[in-house]
Amino acid sequence: MRWLINLWRERQRSIDLRILWPSCKEQAVDLDHAKAAFAMHAFHDPAWICLGDDEITRRINELS
Protein backbone atom coordinates (compact mmCIF):
# COMPACT_ATOMS: atom_id res chain seq x y z
CA MET A 1 0.00 0.00 0.00
CA ARG A 2 2.89 2.36 0.76
CA TRP A 3 4.11 2.14 -2.85
CA LEU A 4 0.71 3.33 -4.03
CA ILE A 5 0.76 6.33 -1.70
CA ASN A 6 4.29 7.18 -2.82
CA LEU A 7 3.23 6.91 -6.46
CA TRP A 8 0.27 9.22 -5.82
CA ARG A 9 2.45 11.78 -4.02
CA GLU A 10 4.96 11.70 -6.87
CA ARG A 11 2.12 12.41 -9.28
CA GLN A 12 0.93 15.33 -7.13
CA ARG A 13 4.43 16.82 -7.07
CA SER A 14 4.63 16.44 -10.84
CA ILE A 15 1.36 18.34 -11.25
CA ASP A 16 2.64 21.07 -8.92
CA LEU A 17 5.76 21.46 -11.03
CA ARG A 18 3.82 21.45 -14.29
CA ILE A 19 1.03 23.83 -13.24
CA LEU A 20 1.77 25.65 -9.98
CA TRP A 21 5.44 26.44 -10.56
CA PRO A 22 4.89 28.23 -13.91
CA SER A 23 2.08 30.21 -12.30
CA CYS A 24 4.36 31.25 -9.44
CA LYS A 25 7.02 32.39 -11.93
CA GLU A 26 4.48 34.30 -14.00
CA GLN A 27 3.08 36.22 -11.06
CA ALA A 28 6.25 36.85 -9.05
CA VAL A 29 8.46 39.89 -9.48
CA ASP A 30 11.58 37.70 -9.73
CA LEU A 31 12.75 34.11 -9.44
CA ASP A 32 13.48 34.36 -5.71
CA HIS A 33 9.91 35.45 -4.98
CA ALA A 34 8.56 32.68 -7.21
CA LYS A 35 10.61 30.11 -5.30
CA ALA A 36 9.41 31.53 -2.00
CA ALA A 37 5.79 31.27 -3.10
CA PHE A 38 6.30 27.70 -4.27
CA ALA A 39 8.08 26.87 -1.01
CA MET A 40 5.08 28.11 0.98
CA HIS A 41 3.04 25.47 -0.80
CA ALA A 42 5.64 22.68 -0.70
CA PHE A 43 6.39 23.00 3.02
CA HIS A 44 2.69 22.63 3.82
CA ASP A 45 1.65 19.94 1.33
CA PRO A 46 1.80 16.25 2.35
CA ALA A 47 3.07 15.25 -1.10
CA TRP A 48 6.16 17.37 -0.50
CA ILE A 49 6.51 17.12 3.29
CA CYS A 50 7.17 13.39 3.03
CA LEU A 51 10.45 14.22 1.23
CA GLY A 52 11.86 16.10 4.22
CA ASP A 53 13.00 19.69 4.52
CA ASP A 54 16.44 19.20 2.97
CA GLU A 55 15.10 17.49 -0.15
CA ILE A 56 12.32 20.06 -0.59
CA THR A 57 14.89 22.85 -0.32
CA ARG A 58 17.22 21.13 -2.78
CA ARG A 59 14.44 20.67 -5.35
CA ILE A 60 13.21 24.25 -5.01
CA ASN A 61 16.76 25.58 -5.39
CA GLU A 62 17.04 23.68 -8.67
CA LEU A 63 13.96 25.34 -10.16
CA SER A 64 14.50 27.85 -12.92
PDB file of N, CA and C in Angstrom:
ATOM      1  N   MET A   1       0.814  -1.199   0.000  1.00  0.00           N
ATOM      2  CA  MET A   1       0.000   0.000   0.000  1.00  0.00           C
ATOM      3  C   MET A   1       0.862   1.271   0.000  1.00  0.00           C
ATOM      4  N   ARG A   2       2.004   1.197   0.679  1.00  0.00           N
ATOM      5  CA  ARG A   2       2.888   2.358   0.759  1.00  0.00           C
ATOM      6  C   ARG A   2       3.370   2.786  -0.629  1.00  0.00           C
ATOM      7  N   TRP A   3       3.638   1.809  -1.493  1.00  0.00           N
ATOM      8  CA  TRP A   3       4.109   2.137  -2.846  1.00  0.00           C
ATOM      9  C   TRP A   3       3.059   2.925  -3.611  1.00  0.00           C
ATOM     10  N   LEU A   4       1.789   2.616  -3.366  1.00  0.00           N
ATOM     11  CA  LEU A   4       0.705   3.326  -4.032  1.00  0.00           C
ATOM     12  C   LEU A   4       0.620   4.781  -3.544  1.00  0.00           C
ATOM     13  N   ILE A   5       0.761   4.973  -2.264  1.00  0.00           N
ATOM     14  CA  ILE A   5       0.759   6.325  -1.698  1.00  0.00           C
ATOM     15  C   ILE A   5       1.944   7.119  -2.246  1.00  0.00           C
ATOM     16  N   ASN A   6       3.110   6.498  -2.284  1.00  0.00           N
ATOM     17  CA  ASN A   6       4.293   7.181  -2.820  1.00  0.00           C
ATOM     18  C   ASN A   6       4.107   7.532  -4.297  1.00  0.00           C
ATOM     19  N   LEU A   7       3.508   6.651  -5.050  1.00  0.00           N
ATOM     20  CA  LEU A   7       3.229   6.912  -6.457  1.00  0.00           C
ATOM     21  C   LEU A   7       2.273   8.094  -6.606  1.00  0.00           C
ATOM     22  N   TRP A   8       1.242   8.126  -5.784  1.00  0.00           N
ATOM     23  CA  TRP A   8       0.274   9.220  -5.822  1.00  0.00           C
ATOM     24  C   TRP A   8       0.930  10.557  -5.449  1.00  0.00           C
ATOM     25  N   ARG A   9       1.766  10.544  -4.424  1.00  0.00           N
ATOM     26  CA  ARG A   9       2.451  11.777  -4.016  1.00  0.00           C
ATOM     27  C   ARG A   9       3.412  12.259  -5.098  1.00  0.00           C
ATOM     28  N   GLU A  10       4.073  11.328  -5.759  1.00  0.00           N
ATOM     29  CA  GLU A  10       4.958  11.695  -6.866  1.00  0.00           C
ATOM     30  C   GLU A  10       4.159  12.365  -7.985  1.00  0.00           C
ATOM     31  N   ARG A  11       2.995  11.824  -8.257  1.00  0.00           N
ATOM     32  CA  ARG A  11       2.118  12.406  -9.283  1.00  0.00           C
ATOM     33  C   ARG A  11       1.684  13.814  -8.876  1.00  0.00           C
ATOM     34  N   GLN A  12       1.336  14.004  -7.610  1.00  0.00           N
ATOM     35  CA  GLN A  12       0.931  15.325  -7.130  1.00  0.00           C
ATOM     36  C   GLN A  12       2.066  16.335  -7.269  1.00  0.00           C
ATOM     37  N   ARG A  13       3.279  15.919  -6.935  1.00  0.00           N
ATOM     38  CA  ARG A  13       4.427  16.820  -7.075  1.00  0.00           C
ATOM     39  C   ARG A  13       4.659  17.168  -8.538  1.00  0.00           C
ATOM     40  N   SER A  14       4.475  16.202  -9.403  1.00  0.00           N
ATOM     41  CA  SER A  14       4.631  16.441 -10.839  1.00  0.00           C
ATOM     42  C   SER A  14       3.626  17.472 -11.336  1.00  0.00           C
ATOM     43  N   ILE A  15       2.396  17.367 -10.877  1.00  0.00           N
ATOM     44  CA  ILE A  15       1.358  18.336 -11.248  1.00  0.00           C
ATOM     45  C   ILE A  15       1.725  19.723 -10.720  1.00  0.00           C
ATOM     46  N   ASP A  16       2.203  19.787  -9.488  1.00  0.00           N
ATOM     47  CA  ASP A  16       2.635  21.074  -8.922  1.00  0.00           C
ATOM     48  C   ASP A  16       3.703  21.721  -9.785  1.00  0.00           C
ATOM     49  N   LEU A  17       4.667  20.917 -10.222  1.00  0.00           N
ATOM     50  CA  LEU A  17       5.758  21.458 -11.032  1.00  0.00           C
ATOM     51  C   LEU A  17       5.298  21.848 -12.435  1.00  0.00           C
ATOM     52  N   ARG A  18       4.321  21.163 -12.945  1.00  0.00           N
ATOM     53  CA  ARG A  18       3.823  21.446 -14.290  1.00  0.00           C
ATOM     54  C   ARG A  18       2.847  22.626 -14.318  1.00  0.00           C
ATOM     55  N   ILE A  19       2.079  22.809 -13.246  1.00  0.00           N
ATOM     56  CA  ILE A  19       1.026  23.827 -13.243  1.00  0.00           C
ATOM     57  C   ILE A  19       1.312  24.959 -12.254  1.00  0.00           C
ATOM     58  N   LEU A  20       1.588  24.615 -11.012  1.00  0.00           N
ATOM     59  CA  LEU A  20       1.767  25.647  -9.983  1.00  0.00           C
ATOM     60  C   LEU A  20       3.060  26.429 -10.163  1.00  0.00           C
ATOM     61  N   TRP A  21       4.164  25.747 -10.436  1.00  0.00           N
ATOM     62  CA  TRP A  21       5.438  26.437 -10.563  1.00  0.00           C
ATOM     63  C   TRP A  21       5.421  27.494 -11.676  1.00  0.00           C
ATOM     64  N   PRO A  22       4.949  27.176 -12.879  1.00  0.00           N
ATOM     65  CA  PRO A  22       4.892  28.229 -13.910  1.00  0.00           C
ATOM     66  C   PRO A  22       4.010  29.407 -13.499  1.00  0.00           C
ATOM     67  N   SER A  23       2.948  29.129 -12.777  1.00  0.00           N
ATOM     68  CA  SER A  23       2.080  30.206 -12.302  1.00  0.00           C
ATOM     69  C   SER A  23       2.812  31.087 -11.291  1.00  0.00           C
ATOM     70  N   CYS A  24       3.570  30.477 -10.405  1.00  0.00           N
ATOM     71  CA  CYS A  24       4.365  31.247  -9.439  1.00  0.00           C
ATOM     72  C   CYS A  24       5.359  32.138 -10.171  1.00  0.00           C
ATOM     73  N   LYS A  25       6.042  31.595 -11.175  1.00  0.00           N
ATOM     74  CA  LYS A  25       7.019  32.387 -11.932  1.00  0.00           C
ATOM     75  C   LYS A  25       6.352  33.539 -12.666  1.00  0.00           C
ATOM     76  N   GLU A  26       5.199  33.279 -13.220  1.00  0.00           N
ATOM     77  CA  GLU A  26       4.482  34.296 -13.997  1.00  0.00           C
ATOM     78  C   GLU A  26       4.050  35.469 -13.124  1.00  0.00           C
ATOM     79  N   GLN A  27       3.643  35.186 -11.904  1.00  0.00           N
ATOM     80  CA  GLN A  27       3.078  36.222 -11.056  1.00  0.00           C
ATOM     81  C   GLN A  27       4.093  36.902 -10.132  1.00  0.00           C
ATOM     82  N   ALA A  28       5.244  36.290  -9.957  1.00  0.00           N
ATOM     83  CA  ALA A  28       6.254  36.849  -9.047  1.00  0.00           C
ATOM     84  C   ALA A  28       7.081  37.928  -9.738  1.00  0.00           C
ATOM     85  N   VAL A  29       7.636  38.816  -8.932  1.00  0.00           N
ATOM     86  CA  VAL A  29       8.461  39.895  -9.480  1.00  0.00           C
ATOM     87  C   VAL A  29       9.836  39.391  -9.926  1.00  0.00           C
ATOM     88  N   ASP A  30      10.302  38.283  -9.323  1.00  0.00           N
ATOM     89  CA  ASP A  30      11.576  37.696  -9.732  1.00  0.00           C
ATOM     90  C   ASP A  30      11.593  36.224  -9.315  1.00  0.00           C
ATOM     91  N   LEU A  31      12.654  35.540  -9.691  1.00  0.00           N
ATOM     92  CA  LEU A  31      12.753  34.106  -9.445  1.00  0.00           C
ATOM     93  C   LEU A  31      12.777  33.780  -7.952  1.00  0.00           C
ATOM     94  N   ASP A  32      13.428  34.614  -7.154  1.00  0.00           N
ATOM     95  CA  ASP A  32      13.480  34.357  -5.710  1.00  0.00           C
ATOM     96  C   ASP A  32      12.090  34.411  -5.077  1.00  0.00           C
ATOM     97  N   HIS A  33      11.274  35.361  -5.495  1.00  0.00           N
ATOM     98  CA  HIS A  33       9.908  35.448  -4.976  1.00  0.00           C
ATOM     99  C   HIS A  33       9.062  34.273  -5.465  1.00  0.00           C
ATOM    100  N   ALA A  34       9.289  33.842  -6.675  1.00  0.00           N
ATOM    101  CA  ALA A  34       8.564  32.682  -7.206  1.00  0.00           C
ATOM    102  C   ALA A  34       8.908  31.429  -6.399  1.00  0.00           C
ATOM    103  N   LYS A  35      10.189  31.265  -6.109  1.00  0.00           N
ATOM    104  CA  LYS A  35      10.613  30.110  -5.304  1.00  0.00           C
ATOM    105  C   LYS A  35      10.038  30.176  -3.897  1.00  0.00           C
ATOM    106  N   ALA A  36       9.978  31.364  -3.337  1.00  0.00           N
ATOM    107  CA  ALA A  36       9.407  31.528  -1.996  1.00  0.00           C
ATOM    108  C   ALA A  36       7.924  31.171  -1.992  1.00  0.00           C
ATOM    109  N   ALA A  37       7.211  31.597  -3.015  1.00  0.00           N
ATOM    110  CA  ALA A  37       5.785  31.272  -3.105  1.00  0.00           C
ATOM    111  C   ALA A  37       5.591  29.764  -3.252  1.00  0.00           C
ATOM    112  N   PHE A  38       6.405  29.139  -4.086  1.00  0.00           N
ATOM    113  CA  PHE A  38       6.299  27.696  -4.267  1.00  0.00           C
ATOM    114  C   PHE A  38       6.665  26.967  -2.977  1.00  0.00           C
ATOM    115  N   ALA A  39       7.670  27.479  -2.273  1.00  0.00           N
ATOM    116  CA  ALA A  39       8.084  26.871  -1.011  1.00  0.00           C
ATOM    117  C   ALA A  39       6.964  26.922   0.027  1.00  0.00           C
ATOM    118  N   MET A  40       6.213  28.012   0.048  1.00  0.00           N
ATOM    119  CA  MET A  40       5.084  28.107   0.980  1.00  0.00           C
ATOM    120  C   MET A  40       4.114  26.948   0.758  1.00  0.00           C
ATOM    121  N   HIS A  41       3.908  26.605  -0.485  1.00  0.00           N
ATOM    122  CA  HIS A  41       3.044  25.468  -0.795  1.00  0.00           C
ATOM    123  C   HIS A  41       3.727  24.153  -0.399  1.00  0.00           C
ATOM    124  N   ALA A  42       4.957  23.966  -0.878  1.00  0.00           N
ATOM    125  CA  ALA A  42       5.640  22.684  -0.701  1.00  0.00           C
ATOM    126  C   ALA A  42       5.842  22.313   0.770  1.00  0.00           C
ATOM    127  N   PHE A  43       6.152  23.302   1.607  1.00  0.00           N
ATOM    128  CA  PHE A  43       6.395  22.997   3.015  1.00  0.00           C
ATOM    129  C   PHE A  43       5.116  22.789   3.822  1.00  0.00           C
ATOM    130  N   HIS A  44       3.965  22.879   3.147  1.00  0.00           N
ATOM    131  CA  HIS A  44       2.688  22.627   3.816  1.00  0.00           C
ATOM    132  C   HIS A  44       1.872  21.529   3.148  1.00  0.00           C
ATOM    133  N   ASP A  45       2.380  20.949   2.092  1.00  0.00           N
ATOM    134  CA  ASP A  45       1.645  19.944   1.330  1.00  0.00           C
ATOM    135  C   ASP A  45       2.198  18.547   1.631  1.00  0.00           C
ATOM    136  N   PRO A  46       1.332  17.599   2.006  1.00  0.00           N
ATOM    137  CA  PRO A  46       1.796  16.251   2.347  1.00  0.00           C
ATOM    138  C   PRO A  46       2.618  15.575   1.249  1.00  0.00           C
ATOM    139  N   ALA A  47       2.320  15.861  -0.003  1.00  0.00           N
ATOM    140  CA  ALA A  47       3.067  15.248  -1.101  1.00  0.00           C
ATOM    141  C   ALA A  47       4.526  15.685  -1.101  1.00  0.00           C
ATOM    142  N   TRP A  48       4.798  16.857  -0.582  1.00  0.00           N
ATOM    143  CA  TRP A  48       6.164  17.370  -0.501  1.00  0.00           C
ATOM    144  C   TRP A  48       6.784  17.107   0.863  1.00  0.00           C
ATOM    145  N   ILE A  49       5.997  17.279   1.922  1.00  0.00           N
ATOM    146  CA  ILE A  49       6.509  17.118   3.290  1.00  0.00           C
ATOM    147  C   ILE A  49       7.171  15.758   3.485  1.00  0.00           C
ATOM    148  N   CYS A  50       6.628  14.735   2.856  1.00  0.00           N
ATOM    149  CA  CYS A  50       7.172  13.388   3.026  1.00  0.00           C
ATOM    150  C   CYS A  50       8.615  13.280   2.531  1.00  0.00           C
ATOM    151  N   LEU A  51       9.075  14.234   1.725  1.00  0.00           N
ATOM    152  CA  LEU A  51      10.453  14.223   1.225  1.00  0.00           C
ATOM    153  C   LEU A  51      11.452  14.723   2.265  1.00  0.00           C
ATOM    154  N   GLY A  52      10.978  15.501   3.208  1.00  0.00           N
ATOM    155  CA  GLY A  52      11.859  16.096   4.217  1.00  0.00           C
ATOM    156  C   GLY A  52      12.310  17.484   3.790  1.00  0.00           C
ATOM    157  N   ASP A  53      12.643  18.293   4.762  1.00  0.00           N
ATOM    158  CA  ASP A  53      12.998  19.693   4.520  1.00  0.00           C
ATOM    159  C   ASP A  53      14.189  19.857   3.577  1.00  0.00           C
ATOM    160  N   ASP A  54      15.237  19.056   3.788  1.00  0.00           N
ATOM    161  CA  ASP A  54      16.440  19.202   2.967  1.00  0.00           C
ATOM    162  C   ASP A  54      16.163  18.899   1.497  1.00  0.00           C
ATOM    163  N   GLU A  55      15.401  17.857   1.235  1.00  0.00           N
ATOM    164  CA  GLU A  55      15.097  17.493  -0.150  1.00  0.00           C
ATOM    165  C   GLU A  55      14.165  18.513  -0.800  1.00  0.00           C
ATOM    166  N   ILE A  56      13.200  19.012  -0.047  1.00  0.00           N
ATOM    167  CA  ILE A  56      12.321  20.060  -0.589  1.00  0.00           C
ATOM    168  C   ILE A  56      13.156  21.278  -0.969  1.00  0.00           C
ATOM    169  N   THR A  57      14.032  21.688  -0.067  1.00  0.00           N
ATOM    170  CA  THR A  57      14.892  22.848  -0.316  1.00  0.00           C
ATOM    171  C   THR A  57      15.767  22.616  -1.542  1.00  0.00           C
ATOM    172  N   ARG A  58      16.359  21.444  -1.639  1.00  0.00           N
ATOM    173  CA  ARG A  58      17.217  21.128  -2.784  1.00  0.00           C
ATOM    174  C   ARG A  58      16.446  21.226  -4.092  1.00  0.00           C
ATOM    175  N   ARG A  59      15.238  20.648  -4.125  1.00  0.00           N
ATOM    176  CA  ARG A  59      14.437  20.675  -5.351  1.00  0.00           C
ATOM    177  C   ARG A  59      13.994  22.089  -5.715  1.00  0.00           C
ATOM    178  N   ILE A  60      13.634  22.869  -4.728  1.00  0.00           N
ATOM    179  CA  ILE A  60      13.215  24.250  -5.009  1.00  0.00           C
ATOM    180  C   ILE A  60      14.399  25.063  -5.508  1.00  0.00           C
ATOM    181  N   ASN A  61      15.561  24.860  -4.939  1.00  0.00           N
ATOM    182  CA  ASN A  61      16.763  25.585  -5.388  1.00  0.00           C
ATOM    183  C   ASN A  61      17.122  25.251  -6.827  1.00  0.00           C
ATOM    184  N   GLU A  62      16.747  24.073  -7.295  1.00  0.00           N
ATOM    185  CA  GLU A  62      17.040  23.676  -8.674  1.00  0.00           C
ATOM    186  C   GLU A  62      16.063  24.241  -9.695  1.00  0.00           C
ATOM    187  N   LEU A  63      14.955  24.806  -9.225  1.00  0.00           N
ATOM    188  CA  LEU A  63      13.965  25.336 -10.156  1.00  0.00           C
ATOM    189  C   LEU A  63      14.509  26.552 -10.891  1.00  0.00           C
ATOM    190  N   SER A  64      14.092  26.683 -12.144  1.00  0.00           N
ATOM    191  CA  SER A  64      14.504  27.852 -12.921  1.00  0.00           C
ATOM    192  C   SER A  64      13.361  28.338 -13.787  1.00  0.00           C
TER     193      SER A  64
END
